[in-house]
C-alpha cells in the first residue's frame, strides 16, 4: 500500500496552475422575511443540466407559494442574491 500523496511532493515536481474553473452546480440557502417579520427558508439550486430549482424547508405563505410557481422565480432569486436590485 502506498503512502498518501502530499502537497509538497506534487509541488516539488510540478508547478500547478488553474487553467479554467467550471461551476457545474451550486446551492444557496435563501431566507425570506415578510412585513410581519416572519421568516421562511428555501434552498435554491442550480445545475448545468437541470437548471434552477427551489425547495422550501418550512411552510410558506400562499403569496410566496404563488410567486414560486411563476416563470423565472428562481432566476430572479439568483439575481437578487448576487446584488441585483432590478434598477
PDB file of N, CA and C in Angstrom:
ATOM      1  N   UNK A   1       0.846  -1.188   0.000  1.00  0.00           N
ATOM      2  CA  UNK A   1       0.000   0.000   0.000  1.00  0.00           C
ATOM      3  C   UNK A   1       0.883   1.240   0.000  1.00  0.00           C
ATOM      4  N   UNK A   2       0.565   2.190  -0.834  1.00  0.00           N
ATOM      5  CA  UNK A   2       1.359   3.412  -0.957  1.00  0.00           C
ATOM      6  C   UNK A   2       0.938   4.447   0.075  1.00  0.00           C
ATOM      7  N   UNK A   3       1.890   5.337   0.409  1.00  0.00           N
ATOM      8  CA  UNK A   3       1.585   6.460   1.290  1.00  0.00           C
ATOM      9  C   UNK A   3       0.759   7.488   0.536  1.00  0.00           C
ATOM     10  N   UNK A   4      -0.030   8.265   1.280  1.00  0.00           N
ATOM     11  CA  UNK A   4      -0.813   9.344   0.659  1.00  0.00           C
ATOM     12  C   UNK A   4       0.127  10.365   0.042  1.00  0.00           C
ATOM     13  N   UNK A   5      -0.290  10.905  -1.089  1.00  0.00           N
ATOM     14  CA  UNK A   5       0.484  11.954  -1.733  1.00  0.00           C
ATOM     15  C   UNK A   5       0.352  13.227  -0.896  1.00  0.00           C
ATOM     16  N   UNK A   6       1.373  14.065  -0.921  1.00  0.00           N
ATOM     17  CA  UNK A   6       1.340  15.318  -0.171  1.00  0.00           C
ATOM     18  C   UNK A   6       1.458  16.507  -1.122  1.00  0.00           C
ATOM     19  N   UNK A   7       1.064  17.659  -0.613  1.00  0.00           N
ATOM     20  CA  UNK A   7       1.190  18.889  -1.391  1.00  0.00           C
ATOM     21  C   UNK A   7       2.648  19.138  -1.744  1.00  0.00           C
ATOM     22  N   UNK A   8       3.533  18.988  -0.770  1.00  0.00           N
ATOM     23  CA  UNK A   8       4.962  19.230  -1.018  1.00  0.00           C
ATOM     24  C   UNK A   8       5.515  18.298  -2.091  1.00  0.00           C
ATOM     25  N   UNK A   9       5.057  17.074  -2.091  1.00  0.00           N
ATOM     26  CA  UNK A   9       5.535  16.108  -3.072  1.00  0.00           C
ATOM     27  C   UNK A   9       5.155  16.531  -4.498  1.00  0.00           C
ATOM     28  N   UNK A  10       3.890  16.936  -4.673  1.00  0.00           N
ATOM     29  CA  UNK A  10       3.439  17.354  -6.001  1.00  0.00           C
ATOM     30  C   UNK A  10       4.157  18.632  -6.421  1.00  0.00           C
ATOM     31  N   UNK A  11       4.190  19.631  -5.501  1.00  0.00           N
ATOM     32  CA  UNK A  11       4.815  20.903  -5.845  1.00  0.00           C
ATOM     33  C   UNK A  11       6.324  20.792  -5.971  1.00  0.00           C
ATOM     34  N   UNK A  12       6.915  19.751  -5.431  1.00  0.00           N
ATOM     35  CA  UNK A  12       8.341  19.522  -5.605  1.00  0.00           C
ATOM     36  C   UNK A  12       8.685  19.054  -7.011  1.00  0.00           C
ATOM     37  N   UNK A  13       7.669  18.551  -7.715  1.00  0.00           N
ATOM     38  CA  UNK A  13       7.889  18.035  -9.063  1.00  0.00           C
ATOM     39  C   UNK A  13       7.222  18.880 -10.156  1.00  0.00           C
ATOM     40  N   UNK A  14       6.168  19.579  -9.811  1.00  0.00           N
ATOM     41  CA  UNK A  14       5.394  20.307 -10.822  1.00  0.00           C
ATOM     42  C   UNK A  14       4.964  21.667 -10.301  1.00  0.00           C
ATOM     43  N   UNK A  15       4.862  22.643 -11.210  1.00  0.00           N
ATOM     44  CA  UNK A  15       4.155  23.881 -10.929  1.00  0.00           C
ATOM     45  C   UNK A  15       2.705  23.606 -11.321  1.00  0.00           C
ATOM     46  N   UNK A  16       1.775  23.952 -10.462  1.00  0.00           N
ATOM     47  CA  UNK A  16       0.365  23.650 -10.703  1.00  0.00           C
ATOM     48  C   UNK A  16      -0.405  24.963 -10.826  1.00  0.00           C
ATOM     49  N   UNK A  17      -1.167  25.103 -11.900  1.00  0.00           N
ATOM     50  CA  UNK A  17      -1.945  26.306 -12.166  1.00  0.00           C
ATOM     51  C   UNK A  17      -3.375  25.926 -12.512  1.00  0.00           C
ATOM     52  N   UNK A  18      -4.311  26.774 -12.137  1.00  0.00           N
ATOM     53  CA  UNK A  18      -5.692  26.591 -12.580  1.00  0.00           C
ATOM     54  C   UNK A  18      -5.791  27.175 -13.980  1.00  0.00           C
ATOM     55  N   UNK A  19      -6.168  26.358 -14.912  1.00  0.00           N
ATOM     56  CA  UNK A  19      -6.330  26.823 -16.279  1.00  0.00           C
ATOM     57  C   UNK A  19      -7.741  27.345 -16.506  1.00  0.00           C
ATOM     58  N   UNK A  20      -8.724  26.673 -15.921  1.00  0.00           N
ATOM     59  CA  UNK A  20     -10.116  27.047 -16.115  1.00  0.00           C
ATOM     60  C   UNK A  20     -10.928  26.416 -14.997  1.00  0.00           C
ATOM     61  N   UNK A  21     -11.877  27.153 -14.448  1.00  0.00           N
ATOM     62  CA  UNK A  21     -12.794  26.607 -13.459  1.00  0.00           C
ATOM     63  C   UNK A  21     -14.190  26.647 -14.042  1.00  0.00           C
ATOM     64  N   UNK A  22     -14.882  25.537 -13.986  1.00  0.00           N
ATOM     65  CA  UNK A  22     -16.253  25.461 -14.479  1.00  0.00           C
ATOM     66  C   UNK A  22     -17.155  25.042 -13.324  1.00  0.00           C
ATOM     67  N   UNK A  23     -18.139  25.870 -13.038  1.00  0.00           N
ATOM     68  CA  UNK A  23     -19.091  25.541 -11.988  1.00  0.00           C
ATOM     69  C   UNK A  23     -20.237  24.759 -12.609  1.00  0.00           C
ATOM     70  N   UNK A  24     -20.396  23.531 -12.174  1.00  0.00           N
ATOM     71  CA  UNK A  24     -21.415  22.662 -12.737  1.00  0.00           C
ATOM     72  C   UNK A  24     -22.706  22.670 -11.925  1.00  0.00           C
ATOM     73  N   UNK A  25     -22.598  23.104 -10.669  1.00  0.00           N
ATOM     74  CA  UNK A  25     -23.775  23.172  -9.810  1.00  0.00           C
ATOM     75  C   UNK A  25     -23.445  24.002  -8.582  1.00  0.00           C
ATOM     76  N   UNK A  26     -24.486  24.565  -7.977  1.00  0.00           N
ATOM     77  CA  UNK A  26     -24.319  25.264  -6.707  1.00  0.00           C
ATOM     78  C   UNK A  26     -25.640  25.249  -5.957  1.00  0.00           C
ATOM     79  N   UNK A  27     -25.559  25.629  -4.695  1.00  0.00           N
ATOM     80  CA  UNK A  27     -26.734  25.670  -3.836  1.00  0.00           C
ATOM     81  C   UNK A  27     -26.618  26.883  -2.927  1.00  0.00           C
ATOM     82  N   UNK A  28     -27.723  27.600  -2.722  1.00  0.00           N
ATOM     83  CA  UNK A  28     -27.760  28.759  -1.837  1.00  0.00           C
ATOM     84  C   UNK A  28     -28.939  28.604  -0.879  1.00  0.00           C
ATOM     85  N   UNK A  29     -28.729  28.879   0.373  1.00  0.00           N
ATOM     86  CA  UNK A  29     -29.833  28.944   1.319  1.00  0.00           C
ATOM     87  C   UNK A  29     -30.357  30.375   1.309  1.00  0.00           C
ATOM     88  N   UNK A  30     -31.632  30.534   1.026  1.00  0.00           N
ATOM     89  CA  UNK A  30     -32.248  31.843   0.877  1.00  0.00           C
ATOM     90  C   UNK A  30     -33.288  32.031   1.979  1.00  0.00           C
ATOM     91  N   UNK A  31     -33.252  33.176   2.628  1.00  0.00           N
ATOM     92  CA  UNK A  31     -34.220  33.494   3.677  1.00  0.00           C
ATOM     93  C   UNK A  31     -35.120  34.623   3.197  1.00  0.00           C
ATOM     94  N   UNK A  32     -36.400  34.433   3.350  1.00  0.00           N
ATOM     95  CA  UNK A  32     -37.415  35.426   3.007  1.00  0.00           C
ATOM     96  C   UNK A  32     -37.996  35.947   4.315  1.00  0.00           C
ATOM     97  N   UNK A  33     -38.044  37.269   4.487  1.00  0.00           N
ATOM     98  CA  UNK A  33     -38.632  37.867   5.679  1.00  0.00           C
ATOM     99  C   UNK A  33     -39.779  38.761   5.233  1.00  0.00           C
ATOM    100  N   UNK A  34     -40.968  38.436   5.696  1.00  0.00           N
ATOM    101  CA  UNK A  34     -42.149  39.205   5.317  1.00  0.00           C
ATOM    102  C   UNK A  34     -42.315  40.461   6.152  1.00  0.00           C
ATOM    103  N   UNK A  35     -43.321  41.259   5.799  1.00  0.00           N
ATOM    104  CA  UNK A  35     -43.601  42.500   6.525  1.00  0.00           C
ATOM    105  C   UNK A  35     -43.916  42.226   7.993  1.00  0.00           C
ATOM    106  N   UNK A  36     -44.432  41.042   8.280  1.00  0.00           N
ATOM    107  CA  UNK A  36     -44.765  40.667   9.662  1.00  0.00           C
ATOM    108  C   UNK A  36     -43.551  40.157  10.439  1.00  0.00           C
ATOM    109  N   UNK A  37     -42.369  40.219   9.796  1.00  0.00           N
ATOM    110  CA  UNK A  37     -41.089  39.786  10.379  1.00  0.00           C
ATOM    111  C   UNK A  37     -40.974  38.272  10.559  1.00  0.00           C
ATOM    112  N   UNK A  38     -41.894  37.519   9.985  1.00  0.00           N
ATOM    113  CA  UNK A  38     -41.798  36.063   9.995  1.00  0.00           C
ATOM    114  C   UNK A  38     -40.897  35.659   8.835  1.00  0.00           C
ATOM    115  N   UNK A  39     -39.970  34.730   9.082  1.00  0.00           N
ATOM    116  CA  UNK A  39     -39.040  34.330   8.020  1.00  0.00           C
ATOM    117  C   UNK A  39     -39.322  32.914   7.537  1.00  0.00           C
ATOM    118  N   UNK A  40     -38.982  32.696   6.288  1.00  0.00           N
ATOM    119  CA  UNK A  40     -39.148  31.413   5.615  1.00  0.00           C
ATOM    120  C   UNK A  40     -37.837  31.115   4.897  1.00  0.00           C
ATOM    121  N   UNK A  41     -37.506  29.854   4.793  1.00  0.00           N
ATOM    122  CA  UNK A  41     -36.229  29.464   4.206  1.00  0.00           C
ATOM    123  C   UNK A  41     -36.442  28.507   3.035  1.00  0.00           C
ATOM    124  N   UNK A  42     -35.596  28.691   2.023  1.00  0.00           N
ATOM    125  CA  UNK A  42     -35.603  27.793   0.884  1.00  0.00           C
ATOM    126  C   UNK A  42     -34.184  27.521   0.430  1.00  0.00           C
ATOM    127  N   UNK A  43     -33.996  26.415  -0.239  1.00  0.00           N
ATOM    128  CA  UNK A  43     -32.704  26.059  -0.820  1.00  0.00           C
ATOM    129  C   UNK A  43     -32.823  26.248  -2.332  1.00  0.00           C
ATOM    130  N   UNK A  44     -32.072  27.213  -2.847  1.00  0.00           N
ATOM    131  CA  UNK A  44     -32.045  27.492  -4.278  1.00  0.00           C
ATOM    132  C   UNK A  44     -30.882  26.722  -4.882  1.00  0.00           C
ATOM    133  N   UNK A  45     -31.187  25.884  -5.854  1.00  0.00           N
ATOM    134  CA  UNK A  45     -30.170  25.067  -6.518  1.00  0.00           C
ATOM    135  C   UNK A  45     -30.083  25.419  -7.987  1.00  0.00           C
ATOM    136  N   UNK A  46     -28.882  25.288  -8.534  1.00  0.00           N
ATOM    137  CA  UNK A  46     -28.684  25.408  -9.965  1.00  0.00           C
ATOM    138  C   UNK A  46     -27.736  24.301 -10.394  1.00  0.00           C
ATOM    139  N   UNK A  47     -28.057  23.666 -11.489  1.00  0.00           N
ATOM    140  CA  UNK A  47     -27.255  22.581 -12.048  1.00  0.00           C
ATOM    141  C   UNK A  47     -27.150  22.808 -13.548  1.00  0.00           C
ATOM    142  N   UNK A  48     -25.964  22.595 -14.111  1.00  0.00           N
ATOM    143  CA  UNK A  48     -25.730  22.852 -15.529  1.00  0.00           C
ATOM    144  C   UNK A  48     -26.687  22.066 -16.428  1.00  0.00           C
ATOM    145  N   UNK A  49     -27.122  20.903 -15.988  1.00  0.00           N
ATOM    146  CA  UNK A  49     -28.018  20.074 -16.798  1.00  0.00           C
ATOM    147  C   UNK A  49     -29.491  20.266 -16.462  1.00  0.00           C
ATOM    148  N   UNK A  50     -29.799  20.576 -15.195  1.00  0.00           N
ATOM    149  CA  UNK A  50     -31.194  20.640 -14.754  1.00  0.00           C
ATOM    150  C   UNK A  50     -31.724  22.056 -14.587  1.00  0.00           C
ATOM    151  N   UNK A  51     -30.839  23.045 -14.586  1.00  0.00           N
ATOM    152  CA  UNK A  51     -31.285  24.412 -14.386  1.00  0.00           C
ATOM    153  C   UNK A  51     -31.575  24.709 -12.920  1.00  0.00           C
ATOM    154  N   UNK A  52     -32.488  25.649 -12.678  1.00  0.00           N
ATOM    155  CA  UNK A  52     -32.816  26.081 -11.329  1.00  0.00           C
ATOM    156  C   UNK A  52     -33.915  25.233 -10.705  1.00  0.00           C
ATOM    157  N   UNK A  53     -33.879  25.154  -9.379  1.00  0.00           N
ATOM    158  CA  UNK A  53     -34.980  24.582  -8.609  1.00  0.00           C
ATOM    159  C   UNK A  53     -34.911  25.171  -7.211  1.00  0.00           C
ATOM    160  N   UNK A  54     -36.033  25.183  -6.538  1.00  0.00           N
ATOM    161  CA  UNK A  54     -36.065  25.650  -5.153  1.00  0.00           C
ATOM    162  C   UNK A  54     -36.882  24.662  -4.333  1.00  0.00           C
ATOM    163  N   UNK A  55     -36.405  24.427  -3.123  1.00  0.00           N
ATOM    164  CA  UNK A  55     -37.110  23.586  -2.170  1.00  0.00           C
ATOM    165  C   UNK A  55     -37.252  24.386  -0.896  1.00  0.00           C
ATOM    166  N   UNK A  56     -38.480  24.576  -0.454  1.00  0.00           N
ATOM    167  CA  UNK A  56     -38.700  25.306   0.792  1.00  0.00           C
ATOM    168  C   UNK A  56     -38.545  24.350   1.961  1.00  0.00           C
ATOM    169  N   UNK A  57     -37.855  24.814   3.004  1.00  0.00           N
ATOM    170  CA  UNK A  57     -37.554  23.952   4.145  1.00  0.00           C
ATOM    171  C   UNK A  57     -38.566  24.122   5.276  1.00  0.00           C
ATOM    172  N   UNK A  58     -39.494  25.037   5.099  1.00  0.00           N
ATOM    173  CA  UNK A  58     -40.550  25.218   6.083  1.00  0.00           C
ATOM    174  C   UNK A  58     -41.811  25.636   5.340  1.00  0.00           C
ATOM    175  N   UNK A  59     -42.933  25.600   6.028  1.00  0.00           N
ATOM    176  CA  UNK A  59     -44.171  26.025   5.392  1.00  0.00           C
ATOM    177  C   UNK A  59     -44.048  27.450   4.884  1.00  0.00           C
ATOM    178  N   UNK A  60     -44.685  27.731   3.784  1.00  0.00           N
ATOM    179  CA  UNK A  60     -44.589  29.072   3.199  1.00  0.00           C
ATOM    180  C   UNK A  60     -45.988  29.658   3.033  1.00  0.00           C
ATOM    181  N   UNK A  61     -46.104  30.980   3.082  1.00  0.00           N
ATOM    182  CA  UNK A  61     -47.414  31.597   2.887  1.00  0.00           C
ATOM    183  C   UNK A  61     -47.862  31.484   1.429  1.00  0.00           C
ATOM    184  N   UNK A  62     -49.151  31.614   1.233  1.00  0.00           N
ATOM    185  CA  UNK A  62     -49.742  31.460  -0.093  1.00  0.00           C
ATOM    186  C   UNK A  62     -49.139  32.413  -1.119  1.00  0.00           C
ATOM    187  N   UNK A  63     -48.894  33.670  -0.725  1.00  0.00           N
ATOM    188  CA  UNK A  63     -48.367  34.621  -1.715  1.00  0.00           C
ATOM    189  C   UNK A  63     -46.962  34.251  -2.178  1.00  0.00           C
ATOM    190  N   UNK A  64     -46.124  33.722  -1.270  1.00  0.00           N
ATOM    191  CA  UNK A  64     -44.787  33.276  -1.666  1.00  0.00           C
ATOM    192  C   UNK A  64     -44.886  32.013  -2.523  1.00  0.00           C
ATOM    193  N   UNK A  65     -45.791  31.127  -2.186  1.00  0.00           N
ATOM    194  CA  UNK A  65     -46.004  29.932  -3.000  1.00  0.00           C
ATOM    195  C   UNK A  65     -46.452  30.329  -4.401  1.00  0.00           C
ATOM    196  N   UNK A  66     -47.356  31.308  -4.489  1.00  0.00           N
ATOM    197  CA  UNK A  66     -47.822  31.782  -5.800  1.00  0.00           C
ATOM    198  C   UNK A  66     -46.660  32.349  -6.622  1.00  0.00           C
ATOM    199  N   UNK A  67     -45.804  33.163  -5.983  1.00  0.00           N
ATOM    200  CA  UNK A  67     -44.632  33.702  -6.684  1.00  0.00           C
ATOM    201  C   UNK A  67     -43.729  32.581  -7.186  1.00  0.00           C
ATOM    202  N   UNK A  68     -43.535  31.573  -6.349  1.00  0.00           N
ATOM    203  CA  UNK A  68     -42.602  30.493  -6.697  1.00  0.00           C
ATOM    204  C   UNK A  68     -43.091  29.647  -7.863  1.00  0.00           C
ATOM    205  N   UNK A  69     -44.366  29.707  -8.167  1.00  0.00           N
ATOM    206  CA  UNK A  69     -44.925  28.926  -9.276  1.00  0.00           C
ATOM    207  C   UNK A  69     -44.817  29.653 -10.618  1.00  0.00           C
ATOM    208  N   UNK A  70     -44.451  30.921 -10.581  1.00  0.00           N
ATOM    209  CA  UNK A  70     -44.385  31.708 -11.810  1.00  0.00           C
ATOM    210  C   UNK A  70     -43.031  31.534 -12.506  1.00  0.00           C
ATOM    211  N   UNK A  71     -43.008  31.701 -13.844  1.00  0.00           N
ATOM    212  CA  UNK A  71     -41.750  31.569 -14.595  1.00  0.00           C
ATOM    213  C   UNK A  71     -40.695  32.566 -14.107  1.00  0.00           C
ATOM    214  N   UNK A  72     -39.470  32.128 -14.119  1.00  0.00           N
ATOM    215  CA  UNK A  72     -38.277  32.928 -13.794  1.00  0.00           C
ATOM    216  C   UNK A  72     -38.101  33.218 -12.302  1.00  0.00           C
ATOM    217  N   UNK A  73     -38.934  32.651 -11.412  1.00  0.00           N
ATOM    218  CA  UNK A  73     -38.816  32.923  -9.977  1.00  0.00           C
ATOM    219  C   UNK A  73     -37.414  32.600  -9.458  1.00  0.00           C
ATOM    220  N   UNK A  74     -36.913  31.413  -9.752  1.00  0.00           N
ATOM    221  CA  UNK A  74     -35.598  31.009  -9.251  1.00  0.00           C
ATOM    222  C   UNK A  74     -34.487  31.880  -9.835  1.00  0.00           C
ATOM    223  N   UNK A  75     -34.602  32.226 -11.112  1.00  0.00           N
ATOM    224  CA  UNK A  75     -33.607  33.096 -11.748  1.00  0.00           C
ATOM    225  C   UNK A  75     -33.590  34.463 -11.066  1.00  0.00           C
ATOM    226  N   UNK A  76     -34.766  35.014 -10.789  1.00  0.00           N
ATOM    227  CA  UNK A  76     -34.859  36.309 -10.114  1.00  0.00           C
ATOM    228  C   UNK A  76     -34.228  36.228  -8.722  1.00  0.00           C
ATOM    229  N   UNK A  77     -34.460  35.141  -8.002  1.00  0.00           N
ATOM    230  CA  UNK A  77     -33.824  34.967  -6.685  1.00  0.00           C
ATOM    231  C   UNK A  77     -32.306  34.951  -6.814  1.00  0.00           C
ATOM    232  N   UNK A  78     -31.797  34.266  -7.825  1.00  0.00           N
ATOM    233  CA  UNK A  78     -30.356  34.232  -8.054  1.00  0.00           C
ATOM    234  C   UNK A  78     -29.838  35.648  -8.279  1.00  0.00           C
ATOM    235  N   UNK A  79     -30.529  36.420  -9.093  1.00  0.00           N
ATOM    236  CA  UNK A  79     -30.110  37.803  -9.352  1.00  0.00           C
ATOM    237  C   UNK A  79     -30.115  38.625  -8.067  1.00  0.00           C
ATOM    238  N   UNK A  80     -31.170  38.492  -7.271  1.00  0.00           N
ATOM    239  CA  UNK A  80     -31.260  39.237  -6.010  1.00  0.00           C
ATOM    240  C   UNK A  80     -30.124  38.861  -5.086  1.00  0.00           C
ATOM    241  N   UNK A  81     -29.823  37.581  -4.967  1.00  0.00           N
ATOM    242  CA  UNK A  81     -28.747  37.149  -4.055  1.00  0.00           C
ATOM    243  C   UNK A  81     -27.367  37.572  -4.540  1.00  0.00           C
ATOM    244  N   UNK A  82     -27.263  37.960  -5.806  1.00  0.00           N
ATOM    245  CA  UNK A  82     -25.992  38.460  -6.339  1.00  0.00           C
ATOM    246  C   UNK A  82     -25.931  39.982  -6.327  1.00  0.00           C
ATOM    247  N   UNK A  83     -26.918  40.624  -5.706  1.00  0.00           N
ATOM    248  CA  UNK A  83     -26.886  42.067  -5.535  1.00  0.00           C
ATOM    249  C   UNK A  83     -27.694  42.889  -6.516  1.00  0.00           C
ATOM    250  N   UNK A  84     -28.388  42.239  -7.437  1.00  0.00           N
ATOM    251  CA  UNK A  84     -29.194  42.970  -8.419  1.00  0.00           C
ATOM    252  C   UNK A  84     -30.471  43.458  -7.743  1.00  0.00           C
ATOM    253  N   UNK A  85     -30.758  44.736  -7.860  1.00  0.00           N
ATOM    254  CA  UNK A  85     -31.958  45.319  -7.255  1.00  0.00           C
ATOM    255  C   UNK A  85     -33.060  45.570  -8.280  1.00  0.00           C
ATOM    256  N   UNK A  86     -32.814  45.269  -9.519  1.00  0.00           N
ATOM    257  CA  UNK A  86     -33.801  45.469 -10.568  1.00  0.00           C
ATOM    258  C   UNK A  86     -33.825  46.888 -11.094  1.00  0.00           C
ATOM    259  N   UNK A  87     -32.880  47.680 -10.670  1.00  0.00           N
ATOM    260  CA  UNK A  87     -32.816  49.076 -11.123  1.00  0.00           C
ATOM    261  C   UNK A  87     -32.157  49.165 -12.483  1.00  0.00           C
TER     262      UNK A  87
END
